[in-house]
């Protein structure tokens, strides 16, 4: 089911992704964890846009 506010969700996800990547540059010791968070936000963006999630795994 498509989201009526999918465009706004995509914008929010881009902001969050950018923030996580900036933080990863500022805190290299947390780079791996922050990259995973950034990847997660990209996954949320794809879901909001109705795109399939390739390689989705749960732990």
N, C-alpha and C. Protein backbone atom coordinates (compact mmCIF):
# COMPACT_ATOMS: atom_id res chain seq x y z
N UNK A 1 0.84 -1.17 0.00
CA UNK A 1 0.00 0.00 0.00
C UNK A 1 0.90 1.24 0.00
N UNK A 2 0.74 2.13 -0.98
CA UNK A 2 1.60 3.31 -1.05
C UNK A 2 1.27 4.30 0.08
N UNK A 3 2.31 5.00 0.51
CA UNK A 3 2.13 6.03 1.52
C UNK A 3 1.72 7.33 0.86
N UNK A 4 0.77 8.03 1.48
CA UNK A 4 0.35 9.31 0.93
C UNK A 4 1.43 10.37 1.10
N UNK A 5 2.29 10.18 2.08
CA UNK A 5 3.36 11.15 2.33
C UNK A 5 4.74 10.55 2.04
N UNK A 6 4.82 9.70 1.04
CA UNK A 6 6.07 9.00 0.70
C UNK A 6 7.19 9.98 0.34
N UNK A 7 6.85 11.06 -0.31
CA UNK A 7 7.87 12.03 -0.70
C UNK A 7 8.51 12.64 0.54
N UNK A 8 7.71 12.97 1.51
CA UNK A 8 8.25 13.55 2.76
C UNK A 8 9.10 12.52 3.50
N UNK A 9 8.64 11.27 3.53
CA UNK A 9 9.43 10.22 4.17
C UNK A 9 10.78 10.07 3.48
N UNK A 10 10.80 10.13 2.17
CA UNK A 10 12.05 10.02 1.42
C UNK A 10 12.99 11.17 1.78
N UNK A 11 12.44 12.37 1.94
CA UNK A 11 13.25 13.52 2.33
C UNK A 11 13.84 13.31 3.72
N UNK A 12 13.02 12.87 4.65
CA UNK A 12 13.48 12.63 6.01
C UNK A 12 14.58 11.57 6.02
N UNK A 13 14.40 10.53 5.26
CA UNK A 13 15.41 9.46 5.19
C UNK A 13 16.73 9.98 4.64
N UNK A 14 16.67 10.85 3.64
CA UNK A 14 17.90 11.43 3.09
C UNK A 14 18.61 12.30 4.13
N UNK A 15 17.83 13.06 4.89
CA UNK A 15 18.42 13.89 5.95
C UNK A 15 19.11 13.01 6.99
N UNK A 16 18.43 11.95 7.41
CA UNK A 16 18.99 11.05 8.41
C UNK A 16 20.24 10.33 7.88
N UNK A 17 20.18 9.90 6.63
CA UNK A 17 21.34 9.23 6.01
C UNK A 17 22.53 10.16 5.98
N UNK A 18 22.31 11.39 5.57
CA UNK A 18 23.38 12.38 5.50
C UNK A 18 23.95 12.65 6.90
N UNK A 19 23.09 12.75 7.88
CA UNK A 19 23.52 12.97 9.25
C UNK A 19 24.40 11.82 9.75
N UNK A 20 23.98 10.59 9.50
CA UNK A 20 24.76 9.44 9.94
C UNK A 20 26.13 9.40 9.26
N UNK A 21 26.17 9.74 7.99
CA UNK A 21 27.45 9.74 7.27
C UNK A 21 28.37 10.86 7.77
N UNK A 22 27.79 12.02 8.07
CA UNK A 22 28.59 13.11 8.62
C UNK A 22 29.16 12.72 9.99
N UNK A 23 28.32 12.09 10.81
CA UNK A 23 28.78 11.64 12.12
C UNK A 23 29.88 10.59 11.99
N UNK A 24 29.76 9.72 11.00
CA UNK A 24 30.79 8.70 10.77
C UNK A 24 32.13 9.35 10.44
N UNK A 25 32.09 10.47 9.71
CA UNK A 25 33.33 11.19 9.40
C UNK A 25 33.92 11.85 10.64
N UNK A 26 33.06 12.31 11.53
CA UNK A 26 33.52 12.98 12.75
C UNK A 26 33.97 12.00 13.82
N UNK A 27 33.38 10.81 13.81
CA UNK A 27 33.68 9.80 14.82
C UNK A 27 34.07 8.49 14.14
N UNK A 28 35.29 8.41 13.61
CA UNK A 28 35.71 7.23 12.85
C UNK A 28 35.61 5.92 13.64
N UNK A 29 35.72 6.00 14.96
CA UNK A 29 35.61 4.79 15.77
C UNK A 29 34.20 4.21 15.75
N UNK A 30 33.23 4.98 15.33
CA UNK A 30 31.84 4.52 15.23
C UNK A 30 31.38 4.41 13.78
N UNK A 31 32.32 4.48 12.87
CA UNK A 31 32.01 4.50 11.44
C UNK A 31 31.15 3.31 11.00
N UNK A 32 31.52 2.12 11.43
CA UNK A 32 30.79 0.92 11.01
C UNK A 32 29.34 0.95 11.49
N UNK A 33 29.13 1.29 12.74
CA UNK A 33 27.77 1.34 13.28
C UNK A 33 26.93 2.43 12.60
N UNK A 34 27.55 3.57 12.40
CA UNK A 34 26.83 4.67 11.75
C UNK A 34 26.52 4.36 10.29
N UNK A 35 27.40 3.64 9.63
CA UNK A 35 27.12 3.24 8.25
C UNK A 35 25.93 2.28 8.19
N UNK A 36 25.85 1.39 9.17
CA UNK A 36 24.70 0.48 9.22
C UNK A 36 23.41 1.26 9.44
N UNK A 37 23.46 2.28 10.29
CA UNK A 37 22.28 3.13 10.48
C UNK A 37 21.91 3.86 9.19
N UNK A 38 22.92 4.38 8.50
CA UNK A 38 22.66 5.07 7.23
C UNK A 38 22.04 4.11 6.22
N UNK A 39 22.55 2.89 6.17
CA UNK A 39 21.97 1.89 5.26
C UNK A 39 20.52 1.58 5.63
N UNK A 40 20.26 1.54 6.93
CA UNK A 40 18.89 1.30 7.38
C UNK A 40 17.94 2.40 6.93
N UNK A 41 18.38 3.65 7.04
CA UNK A 41 17.55 4.76 6.57
C UNK A 41 17.31 4.70 5.06
N UNK A 42 18.31 4.23 4.32
CA UNK A 42 18.12 4.07 2.88
C UNK A 42 17.08 2.97 2.61
N UNK A 43 17.08 1.94 3.44
CA UNK A 43 16.07 0.89 3.31
C UNK A 43 14.67 1.41 3.58
N UNK A 44 14.54 2.25 4.60
CA UNK A 44 13.23 2.85 4.90
C UNK A 44 12.78 3.72 3.72
N UNK A 45 13.72 4.45 3.14
CA UNK A 45 13.39 5.29 1.98
C UNK A 45 12.86 4.43 0.83
N UNK A 46 13.54 3.32 0.56
CA UNK A 46 13.09 2.44 -0.52
C UNK A 46 11.69 1.88 -0.23
N UNK A 47 11.46 1.50 1.01
CA UNK A 47 10.13 1.00 1.36
C UNK A 47 9.08 2.07 1.16
N UNK A 48 9.36 3.29 1.58
CA UNK A 48 8.41 4.39 1.44
C UNK A 48 8.10 4.66 -0.03
N UNK A 49 9.09 4.43 -0.88
CA UNK A 49 8.90 4.67 -2.31
C UNK A 49 8.33 3.44 -3.02
N UNK A 50 8.08 2.38 -2.27
CA UNK A 50 7.49 1.18 -2.85
C UNK A 50 8.47 0.30 -3.58
N UNK A 51 9.76 0.47 -3.34
CA UNK A 51 10.78 -0.35 -3.99
C UNK A 51 11.05 -1.59 -3.16
N UNK A 52 11.37 -2.69 -3.81
CA UNK A 52 11.70 -3.91 -3.05
C UNK A 52 13.04 -3.75 -2.35
N UNK A 53 13.17 -4.43 -1.23
CA UNK A 53 14.41 -4.39 -0.46
C UNK A 53 15.21 -5.64 -0.75
N UNK A 54 16.29 -5.49 -1.49
CA UNK A 54 17.15 -6.64 -1.80
C UNK A 54 18.08 -6.90 -0.62
N UNK A 55 18.24 -8.14 -0.29
CA UNK A 55 19.19 -8.53 0.76
C UNK A 55 18.78 -8.15 2.16
N UNK A 56 17.50 -7.98 2.40
CA UNK A 56 17.03 -7.65 3.74
C UNK A 56 17.22 -8.84 4.65
N UNK A 57 17.92 -8.60 5.75
CA UNK A 57 18.14 -9.66 6.72
C UNK A 57 17.73 -9.17 8.10
N UNK A 58 17.38 -10.10 8.95
CA UNK A 58 17.07 -9.75 10.33
C UNK A 58 18.03 -10.49 11.23
N UNK A 59 18.36 -9.88 12.33
CA UNK A 59 19.29 -10.50 13.27
C UNK A 59 18.59 -10.72 14.60
